Amino acid sequence: MQAYLVNRILQIAGDVQGPGAAAADTLRVTFYETEPPMVLLEHRGITRPAFRAKSASGARFEGDGIQFWERRGEATLNWNGTQSICKPK
């Protein structure tokens, strides 16, 4: 795998509260320059790959049970049916 282009940590709005929330409410997104383009999404100790999908606007990535769509400075994460809004931390 080639070197990553961008590594970001995003804050997930309105997610888990209580003990351990600081670790649980973040998403690490690492963009890779591959063909097709890929991201690794790290959330709650689980890492999953997602690949670039067609999008009318922004950058959308899909994987097994996940969708990550970044546009206009905000991202939407659908992780196994749970949808969250993400913003830069």
N, C-alpha and C. Protein backbone atom coordinates (compact mmCIF):
# COMPACT_ATOMS: atom_id res chain seq x y z
N MET A 1 0.84 -1.17 0.00
CA MET A 1 0.00 0.00 0.00
C MET A 1 0.89 1.23 0.00
N GLN A 2 0.50 2.22 -0.76
CA GLN A 2 1.28 3.44 -0.85
C GLN A 2 1.10 4.29 0.39
N ALA A 3 1.98 5.29 0.54
CA ALA A 3 1.89 6.19 1.67
C ALA A 3 0.56 6.94 1.66
N TYR A 4 0.10 7.28 2.84
CA TYR A 4 -1.17 7.99 2.91
C TYR A 4 -1.00 9.44 2.50
N LEU A 5 -2.09 10.03 2.02
CA LEU A 5 -2.10 11.43 1.63
C LEU A 5 -2.46 12.32 2.81
N VAL A 6 -3.52 11.99 3.51
CA VAL A 6 -4.01 12.81 4.61
C VAL A 6 -4.48 11.90 5.74
N ASN A 7 -4.17 12.30 6.96
CA ASN A 7 -4.64 11.57 8.13
C ASN A 7 -5.39 12.57 8.99
N ARG A 8 -6.68 12.38 9.21
CA ARG A 8 -7.50 13.33 9.97
C ARG A 8 -8.18 12.65 11.14
N ILE A 9 -8.41 13.43 12.19
CA ILE A 9 -9.24 12.97 13.29
C ILE A 9 -10.45 13.88 13.32
N LEU A 10 -11.64 13.28 13.27
CA LEU A 10 -12.89 14.03 13.25
C LEU A 10 -13.66 13.79 14.54
N GLN A 11 -14.40 14.78 14.97
CA GLN A 11 -15.27 14.68 16.14
C GLN A 11 -16.65 14.27 15.66
N ILE A 12 -17.23 13.26 16.29
CA ILE A 12 -18.57 12.81 15.91
C ILE A 12 -19.57 13.50 16.82
N ALA A 13 -20.48 14.26 16.24
CA ALA A 13 -21.45 15.05 17.00
C ALA A 13 -22.55 14.16 17.56
N GLY A 14 -22.92 14.41 18.82
CA GLY A 14 -24.04 13.73 19.45
C GLY A 14 -23.86 12.23 19.60
N ASP A 15 -22.64 11.77 19.78
CA ASP A 15 -22.40 10.33 19.88
C ASP A 15 -22.40 9.93 21.35
N VAL A 16 -21.65 8.90 21.70
CA VAL A 16 -21.61 8.30 23.03
C VAL A 16 -21.30 9.32 24.12
N GLN A 17 -21.97 9.18 25.26
CA GLN A 17 -21.69 10.01 26.43
C GLN A 17 -21.34 9.11 27.58
N GLY A 18 -20.67 9.67 28.59
CA GLY A 18 -20.33 8.89 29.77
C GLY A 18 -18.89 8.42 29.74
N PRO A 19 -18.54 7.46 30.61
CA PRO A 19 -17.15 6.98 30.69
C PRO A 19 -16.65 6.45 29.35
N GLY A 20 -15.45 6.87 28.97
CA GLY A 20 -14.87 6.41 27.72
C GLY A 20 -15.33 7.19 26.51
N ALA A 21 -16.13 8.21 26.69
CA ALA A 21 -16.69 8.96 25.57
C ALA A 21 -15.62 9.64 24.74
N ALA A 22 -14.55 10.10 25.35
CA ALA A 22 -13.50 10.82 24.61
C ALA A 22 -12.92 9.96 23.50
N ALA A 23 -12.72 8.68 23.77
CA ALA A 23 -12.17 7.79 22.75
C ALA A 23 -13.25 7.33 21.77
N ALA A 24 -14.48 7.22 22.26
CA ALA A 24 -15.55 6.65 21.45
C ALA A 24 -16.14 7.62 20.44
N ASP A 25 -15.97 8.92 20.66
CA ASP A 25 -16.65 9.87 19.80
C ASP A 25 -15.73 10.49 18.76
N THR A 26 -14.68 9.79 18.41
CA THR A 26 -13.79 10.28 17.36
C THR A 26 -13.71 9.27 16.22
N LEU A 27 -13.34 9.77 15.07
CA LEU A 27 -13.16 8.95 13.89
C LEU A 27 -11.83 9.35 13.26
N ARG A 28 -10.94 8.40 13.08
CA ARG A 28 -9.69 8.66 12.38
C ARG A 28 -9.87 8.22 10.93
N VAL A 29 -9.58 9.13 10.02
CA VAL A 29 -9.74 8.87 8.59
C VAL A 29 -8.37 9.03 7.93
N THR A 30 -7.90 7.97 7.29
CA THR A 30 -6.63 8.02 6.58
C THR A 30 -6.90 7.76 5.10
N PHE A 31 -6.57 8.76 4.28
CA PHE A 31 -6.78 8.67 2.84
C PHE A 31 -5.55 8.08 2.17
N TYR A 32 -5.74 7.09 1.30
CA TYR A 32 -4.64 6.46 0.59
C TYR A 32 -4.74 6.72 -0.90
N GLU A 33 -3.60 6.91 -1.52
CA GLU A 33 -3.53 7.14 -2.96
C GLU A 33 -3.37 5.78 -3.64
N THR A 34 -4.47 5.10 -3.81
CA THR A 34 -4.49 3.78 -4.46
C THR A 34 -5.44 3.86 -5.64
N GLU A 35 -5.56 2.79 -6.37
CA GLU A 35 -6.51 2.72 -7.47
C GLU A 35 -7.41 1.52 -7.24
N PRO A 36 -8.66 1.68 -6.89
CA PRO A 36 -9.36 2.94 -6.69
C PRO A 36 -8.94 3.60 -5.37
N PRO A 37 -9.20 4.91 -5.21
CA PRO A 37 -8.86 5.60 -3.97
C PRO A 37 -9.54 4.93 -2.78
N MET A 38 -8.85 4.93 -1.63
CA MET A 38 -9.33 4.22 -0.46
C MET A 38 -9.11 5.06 0.80
N VAL A 39 -9.96 4.84 1.80
CA VAL A 39 -9.75 5.38 3.14
C VAL A 39 -9.80 4.24 4.13
N LEU A 40 -9.07 4.39 5.22
CA LEU A 40 -9.22 3.51 6.37
C LEU A 40 -9.93 4.33 7.43
N LEU A 41 -11.04 3.81 7.94
CA LEU A 41 -11.83 4.48 8.97
C LEU A 41 -11.64 3.72 10.27
N GLU A 42 -11.18 4.43 11.32
CA GLU A 42 -10.97 3.83 12.63
C GLU A 42 -11.96 4.44 13.61
N HIS A 43 -12.83 3.59 14.16
CA HIS A 43 -13.89 4.05 15.06
C HIS A 43 -14.13 3.00 16.13
N ARG A 44 -14.03 3.40 17.39
CA ARG A 44 -14.27 2.50 18.53
C ARG A 44 -13.41 1.25 18.48
N GLY A 45 -12.16 1.41 18.09
CA GLY A 45 -11.22 0.30 18.08
C GLY A 45 -11.34 -0.62 16.88
N ILE A 46 -12.19 -0.29 15.94
CA ILE A 46 -12.38 -1.11 14.73
C ILE A 46 -11.91 -0.31 13.53
N THR A 47 -11.14 -0.95 12.65
CA THR A 47 -10.66 -0.30 11.43
C THR A 47 -11.29 -0.99 10.23
N ARG A 48 -11.86 -0.17 9.35
CA ARG A 48 -12.50 -0.72 8.14
C ARG A 48 -12.07 0.08 6.92
N PRO A 49 -11.86 -0.61 5.80
CA PRO A 49 -11.55 0.09 4.55
C PRO A 49 -12.84 0.50 3.83
N ALA A 50 -12.75 1.57 3.08
CA ALA A 50 -13.86 2.00 2.22
C ALA A 50 -13.24 2.55 0.93
N PHE A 51 -13.93 2.34 -0.18
CA PHE A 51 -13.41 2.73 -1.48
C PHE A 51 -14.27 3.82 -2.10
N ARG A 52 -13.63 4.65 -2.91
CA ARG A 52 -14.29 5.79 -3.55
C ARG A 52 -15.50 5.32 -4.35
N ALA A 53 -16.61 6.03 -4.19
CA ALA A 53 -17.84 5.75 -4.91
C ALA A 53 -18.27 7.02 -5.64
N LYS A 54 -19.10 6.87 -6.66
CA LYS A 54 -19.57 8.03 -7.41
C LYS A 54 -20.37 8.95 -6.50
N SER A 55 -20.19 10.25 -6.73
CA SER A 55 -20.86 11.26 -5.93
C SER A 55 -21.08 12.51 -6.76
N ALA A 56 -22.25 13.12 -6.61
CA ALA A 56 -22.52 14.37 -7.33
C ALA A 56 -21.70 15.51 -6.76
N SER A 57 -21.43 15.46 -5.45
CA SER A 57 -20.58 16.47 -4.83
C SER A 57 -19.84 15.84 -3.65
N GLY A 58 -18.65 16.33 -3.38
CA GLY A 58 -17.87 15.82 -2.27
C GLY A 58 -17.20 14.50 -2.60
N ALA A 59 -16.60 13.91 -1.58
CA ALA A 59 -15.91 12.63 -1.72
C ALA A 59 -16.67 11.58 -0.91
N ARG A 60 -17.15 10.55 -1.58
CA ARG A 60 -17.93 9.49 -0.93
C ARG A 60 -17.17 8.18 -1.02
N PHE A 61 -17.12 7.47 0.11
CA PHE A 61 -16.43 6.18 0.18
C PHE A 61 -17.39 5.16 0.80
N GLU A 62 -17.39 3.95 0.25
CA GLU A 62 -18.26 2.89 0.76
C GLU A 62 -17.47 1.63 1.02
N GLY A 63 -17.88 0.93 2.07
CA GLY A 63 -17.27 -0.35 2.43
C GLY A 63 -18.34 -1.25 3.01
N ASP A 64 -17.94 -2.34 3.61
CA ASP A 64 -18.86 -3.32 4.18
C ASP A 64 -19.57 -2.74 5.41
N GLY A 65 -20.82 -2.32 5.24
CA GLY A 65 -21.59 -1.77 6.35
C GLY A 65 -21.27 -0.33 6.69
N ILE A 66 -20.46 0.35 5.87
CA ILE A 66 -20.10 1.74 6.17
C ILE A 66 -20.17 2.63 4.93
N GLN A 67 -20.44 3.90 5.20
CA GLN A 67 -20.37 4.93 4.16
C GLN A 67 -19.80 6.18 4.82
N PHE A 68 -18.83 6.80 4.17
CA PHE A 68 -18.23 8.04 4.64
C PHE A 68 -18.32 9.03 3.49
N TRP A 69 -18.98 10.17 3.75
CA TRP A 69 -19.20 11.16 2.70
C TRP A 69 -18.78 12.52 3.22
N GLU A 70 -17.73 13.06 2.63
CA GLU A 70 -17.18 14.35 3.06
C GLU A 70 -17.49 15.41 2.01
N ARG A 71 -18.09 16.51 2.48
CA ARG A 71 -18.39 17.62 1.57
C ARG A 71 -18.59 18.89 2.38
N ARG A 72 -18.17 19.99 1.81
CA ARG A 72 -18.35 21.32 2.41
C ARG A 72 -17.88 21.42 3.85
N GLY A 73 -16.73 20.82 4.17
CA GLY A 73 -16.15 20.93 5.50
C GLY A 73 -16.80 20.08 6.57
N GLU A 74 -17.71 19.20 6.17
CA GLU A 74 -18.40 18.33 7.11
C GLU A 74 -18.45 16.93 6.52
N ALA A 75 -18.57 15.93 7.36
CA ALA A 75 -18.63 14.55 6.87
C ALA A 75 -19.81 13.84 7.52
N THR A 76 -20.39 12.92 6.78
CA THR A 76 -21.44 12.06 7.29
C THR A 76 -20.89 10.64 7.35
N LEU A 77 -21.08 9.99 8.47
CA LEU A 77 -20.64 8.62 8.65
C LEU A 77 -21.85 7.75 8.91
N ASN A 78 -21.99 6.67 8.14
CA ASN A 78 -23.00 5.66 8.41
C ASN A 78 -22.22 4.39 8.74
N TRP A 79 -22.24 3.99 10.00
CA TRP A 79 -21.48 2.85 10.49
C TRP A 79 -22.48 1.80 10.95
N ASN A 80 -22.68 0.78 10.15
CA ASN A 80 -23.64 -0.29 10.47
C ASN A 80 -25.03 0.24 10.78
N GLY A 81 -25.50 1.22 10.00
CA GLY A 81 -26.85 1.74 10.17
C GLY A 81 -26.98 2.92 11.11
N THR A 82 -25.92 3.27 11.84
CA THR A 82 -25.94 4.43 12.73
C THR A 82 -25.30 5.60 12.01
N GLN A 83 -26.08 6.65 11.78
CA GLN A 83 -25.58 7.80 11.04
C GLN A 83 -25.14 8.90 12.00
N SER A 84 -23.99 9.50 11.72
CA SER A 84 -23.43 10.57 12.54
C SER A 84 -22.87 11.66 11.65
N ILE A 85 -22.85 12.88 12.17
CA ILE A 85 -22.22 14.02 11.50
C ILE A 85 -20.85 14.21 12.14
N CYS A 86 -19.83 14.40 11.32
CA CYS A 86 -18.46 14.54 11.81
C CYS A 86 -17.90 15.90 11.40
N LYS A 87 -17.14 16.51 12.30
CA LYS A 87 -16.48 17.78 12.02
C LYS A 87 -15.02 17.68 12.44
N PRO A 88 -14.15 18.50 11.84
CA PRO A 88 -12.73 18.46 12.23
C PRO A 88 -12.58 18.71 13.73
N LYS A 89 -11.68 17.97 14.35
CA LYS A 89 -11.46 18.08 15.80
C LYS A 89 -10.49 19.20 16.08
